Amino acid sequence: MSLASSLFKSVSHLNPGLSSSLRPAAALLQVPTGARFASKKSADAGTSSKATSKQIAAQRERNLAQQQIKRREQKKMSRLRLEAKTCLNTPLHLDTLTALRYLRAAEVGQPGDTTTITMNVRVVAERGVQPLFGSIKFPKSLDSDQRIAVFTLNPELAEEAKAAGAAVVGGEELIDEVRNGNINFNKALATPDILSKLSSVARVLGPKGLMPSPRRGTVSNNIVDLVSRSVGVVDFRQGGVPFVSVPVAKVSFTDAEIVKNLIAAIDEVRAAANRAVSKKPVVLGQTTISSTRGPGIVIDV
């Protein structure tokens, strides 16, 4: 019962004559109920419903756009995979020995030991797949002037590294030289005890591909084995491009030496592709070889 009704009944009980005169005032004291507030609530519900509908429509449009992007990516990958399978249908395709003859002709008059034959392999992979990388142990070494550096804090391991053929061996003093820009080596190895200190020059060695890393197999306490396995080894890493480029030989090498190096290179690139973590297999497509001044010629590997 409302407050106005209670007051009206109390006054009526005391003086019945006043009931008729007080009735209009009691009506004025009535508090608005249900219907007025219900209409406002219904309006709010309608506004909320409209907002929810807009949100659902916007989400539906976003999902549709994502599906369209995904379909385009799938079509692109299908086309690239098809091209990879039919990469030999090109007028620039030659057998390897004939291709080498043309590349040697392009280098006539140039010192044979200064001209390099490079292999380029097209890589077809899904977006987000880690770039391919690895190391190739060539039957015929390319680097006659290869200089291996070993970073270690252990004096005994330092002596073993020198005896195994490392050109540069050192600890913190070698790190200081690197920090000052004195890098007189083209391959770097390390023992685990110095890795934390090496991180201070990671921005110097990393871009040059010289930063030792356990993942790349360039960090070990068995430094003699590490140095011996690194002699004649060429590292490769796929950059921000869809192919891997690896120097495989000098023009002065014999055909047999070049072919053996090519086989070693393509086998390691295939192994790197098989190691890649991807929902769909990484496909190796068109493979070309070129020389310093020669054209890129597609070969069958």
C-alpha atoms as a PDB file:
ATOM      1  CA  MET A   1       0.000   0.000   0.000  1.00  0.00           C
ATOM      2  CA  SER A   2       1.293   3.469  -0.878  1.00  0.00           C
ATOM      3  CA  LEU A   3       2.068   6.207   1.623  1.00  0.00           C
ATOM      4  CA  ALA A   4      -0.741   8.418   0.235  1.00  0.00           C
ATOM      5  CA  SER A   5      -3.333   5.689   0.687  1.00  0.00           C
ATOM      6  CA  SER A   6      -2.218   5.082   4.269  1.00  0.00           C
ATOM      7  CA  LEU A   7      -2.526   8.762   5.171  1.00  0.00           C
ATOM      8  CA  PHE A   8      -5.918   9.003   3.481  1.00  0.00           C
ATOM      9  CA  LYS A   9      -7.287   6.038   5.436  1.00  0.00           C
ATOM     10  CA  SER A  10      -5.937   7.417   8.722  1.00  0.00           C
ATOM     11  CA  VAL A  11      -7.590  10.812   8.188  1.00  0.00           C
ATOM     12  CA  SER A  12     -10.848   9.211   7.049  1.00  0.00           C
ATOM     13  CA  HIS A  13     -10.937   7.116  10.180  1.00  0.00           C
ATOM     14  CA  LEU A  14     -10.526  10.178  12.419  1.00  0.00           C
ATOM     15  CA  ASN A  15     -12.900  12.436  10.468  1.00  0.00           C
ATOM     16  CA  PRO A  16     -15.053  10.822   7.790  1.00  0.00           C
ATOM     17  CA  GLY A  17     -16.192  14.203   6.571  1.00  0.00           C
ATOM     18  CA  LEU A  18     -12.807  15.129   5.343  1.00  0.00           C
ATOM     19  CA  SER A  19     -12.411  12.076   3.156  1.00  0.00           C
ATOM     20  CA  SER A  20     -14.086  13.589   0.127  1.00  0.00           C
ATOM     21  CA  SER A  21     -12.042  16.782   0.305  1.00  0.00           C
ATOM     22  CA  LEU A  22      -8.766  14.977   0.767  1.00  0.00           C
ATOM     23  CA  ARG A  23      -9.348  12.467  -2.026  1.00  0.00           C
ATOM     24  CA  PRO A  24      -7.961  14.739  -4.831  1.00  0.00           C
ATOM     25  CA  ALA A  25      -4.846  15.511  -2.777  1.00  0.00           C
ATOM     26  CA  ALA A  26      -4.308  11.824  -2.141  1.00  0.00           C
ATOM     27  CA  ALA A  27      -4.493  11.188  -5.847  1.00  0.00           C
ATOM     28  CA  LEU A  28      -1.767  13.758  -6.389  1.00  0.00           C
ATOM     29  CA  LEU A  29       0.471  11.936  -3.897  1.00  0.00           C
ATOM     30  CA  GLN A  30       0.314   8.661  -5.812  1.00  0.00           C
ATOM     31  CA  VAL A  31       3.797   7.527  -6.948  1.00  0.00           C
ATOM     32  CA  PRO A  32       4.030   6.611 -10.673  1.00  0.00           C
ATOM     33  CA  THR A  33       4.269   2.858 -11.108  1.00  0.00           C
ATOM     34  CA  GLY A  34       5.260   0.135 -13.494  1.00  0.00           C
ATOM     35  CA  ALA A  35       4.075   1.305 -16.865  1.00  0.00           C
ATOM     36  CA  ARG A  36       6.132   4.509 -17.055  1.00  0.00           C
ATOM     37  CA  PHE A  37       9.370   2.852 -15.991  1.00  0.00           C
ATOM     38  CA  ALA A  38       8.679  -0.234 -18.063  1.00  0.00           C
ATOM     39  CA  SER A  39       8.442   1.873 -21.205  1.00  0.00           C
ATOM     40  CA  LYS A  40      11.863   3.398 -20.497  1.00  0.00           C
ATOM     41  CA  LYS A  41      13.319  -0.048 -19.904  1.00  0.00           C
ATOM     42  CA  SER A  42      11.851  -1.252 -23.177  1.00  0.00           C
ATOM     43  CA  ALA A  43      13.422   1.700 -24.993  1.00  0.00           C
ATOM     44  CA  ASP A  44      16.820   0.907 -23.487  1.00  0.00           C
ATOM     45  CA  ALA A  45      16.422  -2.711 -24.512  1.00  0.00           C
ATOM     46  CA  GLY A  46      15.631  -1.633 -28.059  1.00  0.00           C
ATOM     47  CA  THR A  47      18.735   0.574 -28.232  1.00  0.00           C
ATOM     48  CA  SER A  48      20.885  -2.245 -26.855  1.00  0.00           C
ATOM     49  CA  SER A  49      19.409  -4.627 -29.406  1.00  0.00           C
ATOM     50  CA  LYS A  50      20.280  -2.246 -32.248  1.00  0.00           C
ATOM     51  CA  ALA A  51      23.871  -1.888 -30.951  1.00  0.00           C
ATOM     52  CA  THR A  52      24.202  -5.660 -30.696  1.00  0.00           C
ATOM     53  CA  SER A  53      22.934  -6.081 -34.255  1.00  0.00           C
ATOM     54  CA  LYS A  54      25.510  -3.585 -35.530  1.00  0.00           C
ATOM     55  CA  GLN A  55      28.290  -5.402 -33.669  1.00  0.00           C
ATOM     56  CA  ILE A  56      27.208  -8.733 -35.112  1.00  0.00           C
ATOM     57  CA  ALA A  57      27.100  -7.267 -38.619  1.00  0.00           C
ATOM     58  CA  ALA A  58      30.571  -5.723 -38.199  1.00  0.00           C
ATOM     59  CA  GLN A  59      31.987  -9.018 -36.916  1.00  0.00           C
ATOM     60  CA  ARG A  60      30.394 -10.845 -39.847  1.00  0.00           C
ATOM     61  CA  GLU A  61      32.060  -8.421 -42.281  1.00  0.00           C
ATOM     62  CA  ARG A  62      35.440  -8.905 -40.578  1.00  0.00           C
ATOM     63  CA  ASN A  63      35.105 -12.680 -40.771  1.00  0.00           C
ATOM     64  CA  LEU A  64      34.170 -12.449 -44.440  1.00  0.00           C
ATOM     65  CA  ALA A  65      37.192 -10.251 -45.179  1.00  0.00           C
ATOM     66  CA  GLN A  66      39.492 -12.699 -43.375  1.00  0.00           C
ATOM     67  CA  GLN A  67      38.050 -15.607 -45.342  1.00  0.00           C
ATOM     68  CA  GLN A  68      38.618 -13.749 -48.618  1.00  0.00           C
ATOM     69  CA  ILE A  69      42.244 -13.015 -47.674  1.00  0.00           C
ATOM     70  CA  LYS A  70      42.742 -16.670 -46.742  1.00  0.00           C
ATOM     71  CA  ARG A  71      41.284 -17.827 -50.073  1.00  0.00           C
ATOM     72  CA  ARG A  72      43.590 -15.474 -51.993  1.00  0.00           C
ATOM     73  CA  GLU A  73      46.599 -16.804 -50.057  1.00  0.00           C
ATOM     74  CA  GLN A  74      45.545 -20.387 -50.785  1.00  0.00           C
ATOM     75  CA  LYS A  75      45.177 -19.643 -54.510  1.00  0.00           C
ATOM     76  CA  LYS A  76      48.588 -17.971 -54.551  1.00  0.00           C
ATOM     77  CA  MET A  77      50.232 -20.923 -52.788  1.00  0.00           C
ATOM     78  CA  SER A  78      48.540 -23.382 -55.163  1.00  0.00           C
ATOM     79  CA  ARG A  79      49.865 -21.426 -58.140  1.00  0.00           C
ATOM     80  CA  LEU A  80      53.399 -21.297 -56.699  1.00  0.00           C
ATOM     81  CA  ARG A  81      53.361 -25.024 -55.931  1.00  0.00           C
ATOM     82  CA  LEU A  82      52.227 -25.757 -59.482  1.00  0.00           C
ATOM     83  CA  GLU A  83      55.026 -23.576 -60.846  1.00  0.00           C
ATOM     84  CA  ALA A  84      57.499 -25.420 -58.624  1.00  0.00           C
ATOM     85  CA  LYS A  85      56.439 -28.761 -60.094  1.00  0.00           C
ATOM     86  CA  THR A  86      56.683 -27.494 -63.690  1.00  0.00           C
ATOM     87  CA  CYS A  87      59.836 -25.414 -63.251  1.00  0.00           C
ATOM     88  CA  LEU A  88      61.671 -27.216 -66.064  1.00  0.00           C
ATOM     89  CA  ASN A  89      59.261 -25.917 -68.716  1.00  0.00           C
ATOM     90  CA  THR A  90      61.484 -22.960 -69.561  1.00  0.00           C
ATOM     91  CA  PRO A  91      63.747 -22.175 -72.538  1.00  0.00           C
ATOM     92  CA  LEU A  92      66.604 -21.496 -70.087  1.00  0.00           C
ATOM     93  CA  HIS A  93      66.679 -25.122 -68.909  1.00  0.00           C
ATOM     94  CA  LEU A  94      69.905 -27.012 -69.685  1.00  0.00           C
ATOM     95  CA  ASP A  95      71.550 -30.108 -68.350  1.00  0.00           C
ATOM     96  CA  THR A  96      74.199 -29.319 -65.742  1.00  0.00           C
ATOM     97  CA  LEU A  97      77.295 -29.998 -67.865  1.00  0.00           C
ATOM     98  CA  THR A  98      76.021 -27.866 -70.764  1.00  0.00           C
ATOM     99  CA  ALA A  99      75.126 -25.079 -68.334  1.00  0.00           C
ATOM    100  CA  LEU A 100      78.665 -25.146 -66.925  1.00  0.00           C
ATOM    101  CA  ARG A 101      80.065 -24.801 -70.440  1.00  0.00           C
ATOM    102  CA  TYR A 102      78.040 -21.603 -70.974  1.00  0.00           C
ATOM    103  CA  LEU A 103      79.058 -20.188 -67.590  1.00  0.00           C
ATOM    104  CA  ARG A 104      82.735 -20.812 -68.290  1.00  0.00           C
ATOM    105  CA  ALA A 105      82.340 -19.059 -71.642  1.00  0.00           C
ATOM    106  CA  ALA A 106      80.938 -16.018 -69.828  1.00  0.00           C
ATOM    107  CA  GLU A 107      84.056 -15.881 -67.631  1.00  0.00           C
ATOM    108  CA  VAL A 108      86.681 -16.121 -70.385  1.00  0.00           C
ATOM    109  CA  GLY A 109      89.568 -13.776 -69.633  1.00  0.00           C
ATOM    110  CA  GLN A 110      88.831 -13.674 -65.901  1.00  0.00           C
ATOM    111  CA  PRO A 111      90.905 -15.427 -63.195  1.00  0.00           C
ATOM    112  CA  GLY A 112      89.200 -18.753 -62.556  1.00  0.00           C
ATOM    113  CA  ASP A 113      89.764 -18.689 -58.812  1.00  0.00           C
ATOM    114  CA  THR A 114      87.993 -15.333 -58.407  1.00  0.00           C
ATOM    115  CA  THR A 115      84.756 -16.227 -60.207  1.00  0.00           C
ATOM    116  CA  THR A 116      82.108 -18.061 -58.214  1.00  0.00           C
ATOM    117  CA  ILE A 117      79.322 -20.359 -59.355  1.00  0.00           C
ATOM    118  CA  THR A 118      76.196 -19.804 -57.262  1.00  0.00           C
ATOM    119  CA  MET A 119      73.150 -22.023 -56.850  1.00  0.00           C
ATOM    120  CA  ASN A 120      69.727 -20.420 -56.293  1.00  0.00           C
ATOM    121  CA  VAL A 121      66.771 -22.547 -55.174  1.00  0.00           C
ATOM    122  CA  ARG A 122      63.192 -21.263 -55.159  1.00  0.00           C
ATOM    123  CA  VAL A 123      61.407 -21.935 -51.851  1.00  0.00           C
ATOM    124  CA  VAL A 124      57.608 -22.239 -51.746  1.00  0.00           C
ATOM    125  CA  ALA A 125      56.351 -22.099 -48.147  1.00  0.00           C
ATOM    126  CA  GLU A 126      53.339 -20.930 -46.176  1.00  0.00           C
ATOM    127  CA  ARG A 127      53.425 -17.482 -44.605  1.00  0.00           C
ATOM    128  CA  GLY A 128      55.083 -17.468 -41.196  1.00  0.00           C
ATOM    129  CA  VAL A 129      57.339 -20.475 -41.823  1.00  0.00           C
ATOM    130  CA  GLN A 130      60.824 -19.941 -40.430  1.00  0.00           C
ATOM    131  CA  PRO A 131      63.460 -19.176 -43.100  1.00  0.00           C
ATOM    132  CA  LEU A 132      65.583 -22.146 -44.157  1.00  0.00           C
ATOM    133  CA  PHE A 133      69.133 -22.320 -42.851  1.00  0.00           C
ATOM    134  CA  GLY A 134      71.943 -24.826 -42.520  1.00  0.00           C
ATOM    135  CA  SER A 135      75.580 -25.642 -43.188  1.00  0.00           C
ATOM    136  CA  ILE A 136      77.075 -27.449 -46.174  1.00  0.00           C
ATOM    137  CA  LYS A 137      80.235 -29.533 -46.004  1.00  0.00           C
ATOM    138  CA  PHE A 138      81.544 -29.396 -49.562  1.00  0.00           C
ATOM    139  CA  PRO A 139      83.677 -32.228 -50.980  1.00  0.00           C
ATOM    140  CA  LYS A 140      85.774 -29.519 -52.651  1.00  0.00           C
ATOM    141  CA  SER A 141      86.290 -26.530 -50.358  1.00  0.00           C
ATOM    142  CA  LEU A 142      85.650 -23.047 -51.742  1.00  0.00           C
ATOM    143  CA  ASP A 143      87.553 -21.004 -49.175  1.00  0.00           C
ATOM    144  CA  SER A 144      91.296 -21.304 -49.439  1.00  0.00           C
ATOM    145  CA  ASP A 145      91.513 -18.253 -47.161  1.00  0.00           C
ATOM    146  CA  GLN A 146      88.946 -19.393 -44.599  1.00  0.00           C
ATOM    147  CA  ARG A 147      89.650 -17.971 -41.142  1.00  0.00           C
ATOM    148  CA  ILE A 148      87.928 -19.594 -38.176  1.00  0.00           C
ATOM    149  CA  ALA A 149      87.651 -17.741 -34.862  1.00  0.00           C
ATOM    150  CA  VAL A 150      87.042 -19.505 -31.551  1.00  0.00           C
ATOM    151  CA  PHE A 151      85.684 -17.659 -28.512  1.00  0.00           C
ATOM    152  CA  THR A 152      86.478 -19.374 -25.210  1.00  0.00           C
ATOM    153  CA  LEU A 153      87.453 -18.574 -21.614  1.00  0.00           C
ATOM    154  CA  ASN A 154      89.186 -21.931 -21.114  1.00  0.00           C
ATOM    155  CA  PRO A 155      92.979 -21.744 -21.747  1.00  0.00           C
ATOM    156  CA  GLU A 156      93.227 -25.486 -22.441  1.00  0.00           C
ATOM    157  CA  LEU A 157      90.421 -25.405 -25.012  1.00  0.00           C
ATOM    158  CA  ALA A 158      92.042 -22.334 -26.567  1.00  0.00           C
ATOM    159  CA  GLU A 159      95.249 -24.291 -27.178  1.00  0.00           C
ATOM    160  CA  GLU A 160      93.277 -27.221 -28.613  1.00  0.00           C
ATOM    161  CA  ALA A 161      91.465 -24.867 -30.985  1.00  0.00           C
ATOM    162  CA  LYS A 162      94.743 -23.424 -32.267  1.00  0.00           C
ATOM    163  CA  ALA A 163      96.146 -26.902 -32.813  1.00  0.00           C
ATOM    164  CA  ALA A 164      92.982 -27.916 -34.709  1.00  0.00           C
ATOM    165  CA  GLY A 165      93.432 -25.060 -37.186  1.00  0.00           C
ATOM    166  CA  ALA A 166      91.569 -22.055 -35.778  1.00  0.00           C
ATOM    167  CA  ALA A 167      93.104 -18.828 -37.089  1.00  0.00           C
ATOM    168  CA  VAL A 168      91.878 -16.603 -34.250  1.00  0.00           C
ATOM    169  CA  VAL A 169      91.366 -17.702 -30.636  1.00  0.00           C
ATOM    170  CA  GLY A 170      90.510 -15.551 -27.644  1.00  0.00           C
ATOM    171  CA  GLY A 171      88.162 -14.649 -24.835  1.00  0.00           C
ATOM    172  CA  GLU A 172      87.075 -11.248 -23.557  1.00  0.00           C
ATOM    173  CA  GLU A 173      89.914  -9.506 -25.396  1.00  0.00           C
ATOM    174  CA  LEU A 174      88.632 -10.939 -28.697  1.00  0.00           C
ATOM    175  CA  ILE A 175      85.134  -9.703 -27.843  1.00  0.00           C
ATOM    176  CA  ASP A 176      86.575  -6.204 -27.293  1.00  0.00           C
ATOM    177  CA  GLU A 177      88.227  -6.336 -30.724  1.00  0.00           C
ATOM    178  CA  VAL A 178      84.909  -7.282 -32.323  1.00  0.00           C
ATOM    179  CA  ARG A 179      83.171  -4.455 -30.462  1.00  0.00           C
ATOM    180  CA  ASN A 180      85.744  -2.047 -31.935  1.00  0.00           C
ATOM    181  CA  GLY A 181      85.049  -3.352 -35.443  1.00  0.00           C
ATOM    182  CA  ASN A 182      88.160  -5.529 -35.833  1.00  0.00           C
ATOM    183  CA  ILE A 183      86.767  -8.688 -37.443  1.00  0.00           C
ATOM    184  CA  ASN A 184      89.467 -10.645 -39.268  1.00  0.00           C
ATOM    185  CA  PHE A 185      87.624 -13.971 -39.568  1.00  0.00           C
ATOM    186  CA  ASN A 186      84.787 -15.350 -41.694  1.00  0.00           C
ATOM    187  CA  LYS A 187      83.459 -18.062 -39.358  1.00  0.00           C
ATOM    188  CA  ALA A 188      82.993 -18.002 -35.586  1.00  0.00           C
ATOM    189  CA  LEU A 189      82.735 -20.824 -33.044  1.00  0.00           C
ATOM    190  CA  ALA A 190      82.458 -20.716 -29.260  1.00  0.00           C
ATOM    191  CA  THR A 191      82.406 -22.742 -26.063  1.00  0.00           C
ATOM    192  CA  PRO A 192      79.353 -22.481 -23.749  1.00  0.00           C
ATOM    193  CA  ASP A 193      81.248 -20.639 -20.978  1.00  0.00           C
ATOM    194  CA  ILE A 194      81.518 -17.416 -22.998  1.00  0.00           C
ATOM    195  CA  LEU A 195      78.045 -17.201 -24.538  1.00  0.00           C
ATOM    196  CA  SER A 196      76.697 -14.740 -21.950  1.00  0.00           C
ATOM    197  CA  LYS A 197      79.560 -12.334 -22.693  1.00  0.00           C
ATOM    198  CA  LEU A 198      79.209 -12.804 -26.448  1.00  0.00           C
ATOM    199  CA  SER A 199      75.663 -11.451 -26.292  1.00  0.00           C
ATOM    200  CA  SER A 200      77.136  -7.945 -25.952  1.00  0.00           C
ATOM    201  CA  VAL A 201      78.377  -8.100 -29.569  1.00  0.00           C
ATOM    202  CA  ALA A 202      75.412 -10.004 -31.016  1.00  0.00           C
ATOM    203  CA  ARG A 203      74.341  -6.928 -32.988  1.00  0.00           C
ATOM    204  CA  VAL A 204      77.786  -6.818 -34.593  1.00  0.00           C
ATOM    205  CA  LEU A 205      78.206 -10.520 -35.393  1.00  0.00           C
ATOM    206  CA  GLY A 206      74.548 -11.386 -36.048  1.00  0.00           C
ATOM    207  CA  PRO A 207      74.001  -9.399 -39.280  1.00  0.00           C
ATOM    208  CA  LYS A 208      77.228 -10.877 -40.677  1.00  0.00           C
ATOM    209  CA  GLY A 209      76.102 -14.432 -39.917  1.00  0.00           C
ATOM    210  CA  LEU A 210      78.982 -14.881 -37.469  1.00  0.00           C
ATOM    211  CA  MET A 211      77.175 -15.125 -34.124  1.00  0.00           C
ATOM    212  CA  PRO A 212      77.835 -18.567 -32.552  1.00  0.00           C
ATOM    213  CA  SER A 213      74.635 -20.380 -31.588  1.00  0.00           C
ATOM    214  CA  PRO A 214      73.898 -23.841 -30.134  1.00  0.00           C
ATOM    215  CA  ARG A 215      70.980 -24.119 -32.534  1.00  0.00           C
ATOM    216  CA  ARG A 216      73.280 -23.710 -35.531  1.00  0.00           C
ATOM    217  CA  GLY A 217      75.790 -26.169 -34.119  1.00  0.00           C
ATOM    218  CA  THR A 218      78.570 -23.606 -33.648  1.00  0.00           C
ATOM    219  CA  VAL A 219      78.818 -23.938 -29.844  1.00  0.00           C
ATOM    220  CA  SER A 220      80.434 -26.931 -28.136  1.00  0.00           C
ATOM    221  CA  ASN A 221      82.995 -27.943 -25.525  1.00  0.00           C
ATOM    222  CA  ASN A 222      84.410 -30.457 -28.021  1.00  0.00           C
ATOM    223  CA  ILE A 223      86.227 -27.674 -29.819  1.00  0.00           C
ATOM    224  CA  VAL A 224      88.595 -29.908 -31.796  1.00  0.00           C
ATOM    225  CA  ASP A 225      85.711 -31.749 -33.460  1.00  0.00           C
ATOM    226  CA  LEU A 226      83.863 -28.468 -34.007  1.00  0.00           C
ATOM    227  CA  VAL A 227      86.808 -26.825 -35.757  1.00  0.00           C
ATOM    228  CA  SER A 228      87.551 -29.858 -37.931  1.00  0.00           C
ATOM    229  CA  ARG A 229      83.891 -30.075 -39.016  1.00  0.00           C
ATOM    230  CA  SER A 230      83.838 -26.362 -39.824  1.00  0.00           C
ATOM    231  CA  VAL A 231      86.737 -26.435 -42.262  1.00  0.00           C
ATOM    232  CA  GLY A 232      85.351 -26.206 -45.792  1.00  0.00           C
ATOM    233  CA  VAL A 233      81.802 -25.623 -44.525  1.00  0.00           C
ATOM    234  CA  VAL A 234      79.575 -22.895 -45.990  1.00  0.00           C
ATOM    235  CA  ASP A 235      76.594 -21.607 -44.013  1.00  0.00           C
ATOM    236  CA  PHE A 236      73.413 -20.571 -45.783  1.00  0.00           C
ATOM    237  CA  ARG A 237      70.306 -18.782 -44.589  1.00  0.00           C
ATOM    238  CA  GLN A 238      67.192 -17.735 -46.444  1.00  0.00           C
ATOM    239  CA  GLY A 239      66.731 -13.989 -46.102  1.00  0.00           C
ATOM    240  CA  GLY A 240      63.545 -12.054 -46.669  1.00  0.00           C
ATOM    241  CA  VAL A 241      63.231 -13.514 -50.173  1.00  0.00           C
ATOM    242  CA  PRO A 242      61.591 -16.735 -51.447  1.00  0.00           C
ATOM    243  CA  PHE A 243      64.837 -18.454 -52.429  1.00  0.00           C
ATOM    244  CA  VAL A 244      68.113 -19.756 -51.002  1.00  0.00           C
ATOM    245  CA  SER A 245      71.379 -18.623 -52.563  1.00  0.00           C
ATOM    246  CA  VAL A 246      74.569 -20.627 -51.969  1.00  0.00           C
ATOM    247  CA  PRO A 247      78.032 -20.315 -53.560  1.00  0.00           C
ATOM    248  CA  VAL A 248      78.962 -23.846 -54.621  1.00  0.00           C
ATOM    249  CA  ALA A 249      82.179 -23.696 -56.648  1.00  0.00           C
ATOM    250  CA  LYS A 250      84.828 -21.722 -58.473  1.00  0.00           C
ATOM    251  CA  VAL A 251      84.854 -21.673 -62.271  1.00  0.00           C
ATOM    252  CA  SER A 252      88.336 -23.201 -62.088  1.00  0.00           C
ATOM    253  CA  PHE A 253      86.924 -26.390 -60.507  1.00  0.00           C
ATOM    254  CA  THR A 254      86.486 -29.433 -62.730  1.00  0.00           C
ATOM    255  CA  ASP A 255      83.007 -30.507 -63.841  1.00  0.00           C
ATOM    256  CA  ALA A 256      83.111 -33.483 -61.480  1.00  0.00           C
ATOM    257  CA  GLU A 257      84.063 -31.282 -58.504  1.00  0.00           C
ATOM    258  CA  ILE A 258      81.279 -28.796 -59.281  1.00  0.00           C
ATOM    259  CA  VAL A 259      78.657 -31.539 -59.673  1.00  0.00           C
ATOM    260  CA  LYS A 260      79.642 -33.116 -56.336  1.00  0.00           C
ATOM    261  CA  ASN A 261      79.384 -29.737 -54.619  1.00  0.00           C
ATOM    262  CA  LEU A 262      75.992 -29.114 -56.249  1.00  0.00           C
ATOM    263  CA  ILE A 263      74.697 -32.449 -54.974  1.00  0.00           C
ATOM    264  CA  ALA A 264      75.958 -31.688 -51.451  1.00  0.00           C
ATOM    265  CA  ALA A 265      74.296 -28.253 -51.539  1.00  0.00           C
ATOM    266  CA  ILE A 266      70.888 -29.369 -52.796  1.00  0.00           C
ATOM    267  CA  ASP A 267      70.832 -32.295 -50.330  1.00  0.00           C
ATOM    268  CA  GLU A 268      71.392 -29.929 -47.404  1.00  0.00           C
ATOM    269  CA  VAL A 269      68.787 -27.438 -48.640  1.00  0.00           C
ATOM    270  CA  ARG A 270      66.279 -30.310 -48.946  1.00  0.00           C
ATOM    271  CA  ALA A 271      67.137 -31.394 -45.401  1.00  0.00           C
ATOM    272  CA  ALA A 272      66.526 -27.834 -44.178  1.00  0.00           C
ATOM    273  CA  ALA A 273      63.147 -27.807 -45.949  1.00  0.00           C
ATOM    274  CA  ASN A 274      62.215 -31.105 -44.274  1.00  0.00           C
ATOM    275  CA  ARG A 275      63.163 -29.661 -40.871  1.00  0.00           C
ATOM    276  CA  ALA A 276      60.911 -26.632 -41.329  1.00  0.00           C
ATOM    277  CA  VAL A 277      57.843 -26.587 -39.084  1.00  0.00           C
ATOM    278  CA  SER A 278      54.823 -26.052 -41.328  1.00  0.00           C
ATOM    279  CA  LYS A 279      51.276 -27.374 -41.802  1.00  0.00           C
ATOM    280  CA  LYS A 280      52.087 -28.041 -45.453  1.00  0.00           C
ATOM    281  CA  PRO A 281      55.469 -29.284 -46.753  1.00  0.00           C
ATOM    282  CA  VAL A 282      57.973 -26.689 -47.908  1.00  0.00           C
ATOM    283  CA  VAL A 283      58.472 -27.183 -51.649  1.00  0.00           C
ATOM    284  CA  LEU A 284      61.744 -26.527 -53.475  1.00  0.00           C
ATOM    285  CA  GLY A 285      61.112 -25.230 -56.958  1.00  0.00           C
ATOM    286  CA  GLN A 286      63.224 -23.890 -59.802  1.00  0.00           C
ATOM    287  CA  THR A 287      66.970 -24.274 -59.279  1.00  0.00           C
ATOM    288  CA  THR A 288      69.424 -22.140 -61.228  1.00  0.00           C
ATOM    289  CA  ILE A 289      73.176 -21.774 -61.355  1.00  0.00           C
ATOM    290  CA  SER A 290      74.996 -18.635 -62.393  1.00  0.00           C
ATOM    291  CA  SER A 291      78.522 -17.272 -62.407  1.00  0.00           C
ATOM    292  CA  THR A 292      79.875 -13.840 -61.520  1.00  0.00           C
ATOM    293  CA  ARG A 293      79.216 -12.512 -65.042  1.00  0.00           C
ATOM    294  CA  GLY A 294      77.080 -15.311 -66.475  1.00  0.00           C
ATOM    295  CA  PRO A 295      73.291 -15.692 -66.723  1.00  0.00           C
ATOM    296  CA  GLY A 296      71.074 -17.772 -64.468  1.00  0.00           C
ATOM    297  CA  ILE A 297      70.497 -21.172 -66.082  1.00  0.00           C
ATOM    298  CA  VAL A 298      67.828 -23.596 -64.868  1.00  0.00           C
ATOM    299  CA  ILE A 299      69.181 -27.070 -64.155  1.00  0.00           C
ATOM    300  CA  ASP A 300      67.551 -30.357 -63.224  1.00  0.00           C
ATOM    301  CA  VAL A 301      68.511 -31.467 -59.733  1.00  0.00           C
END
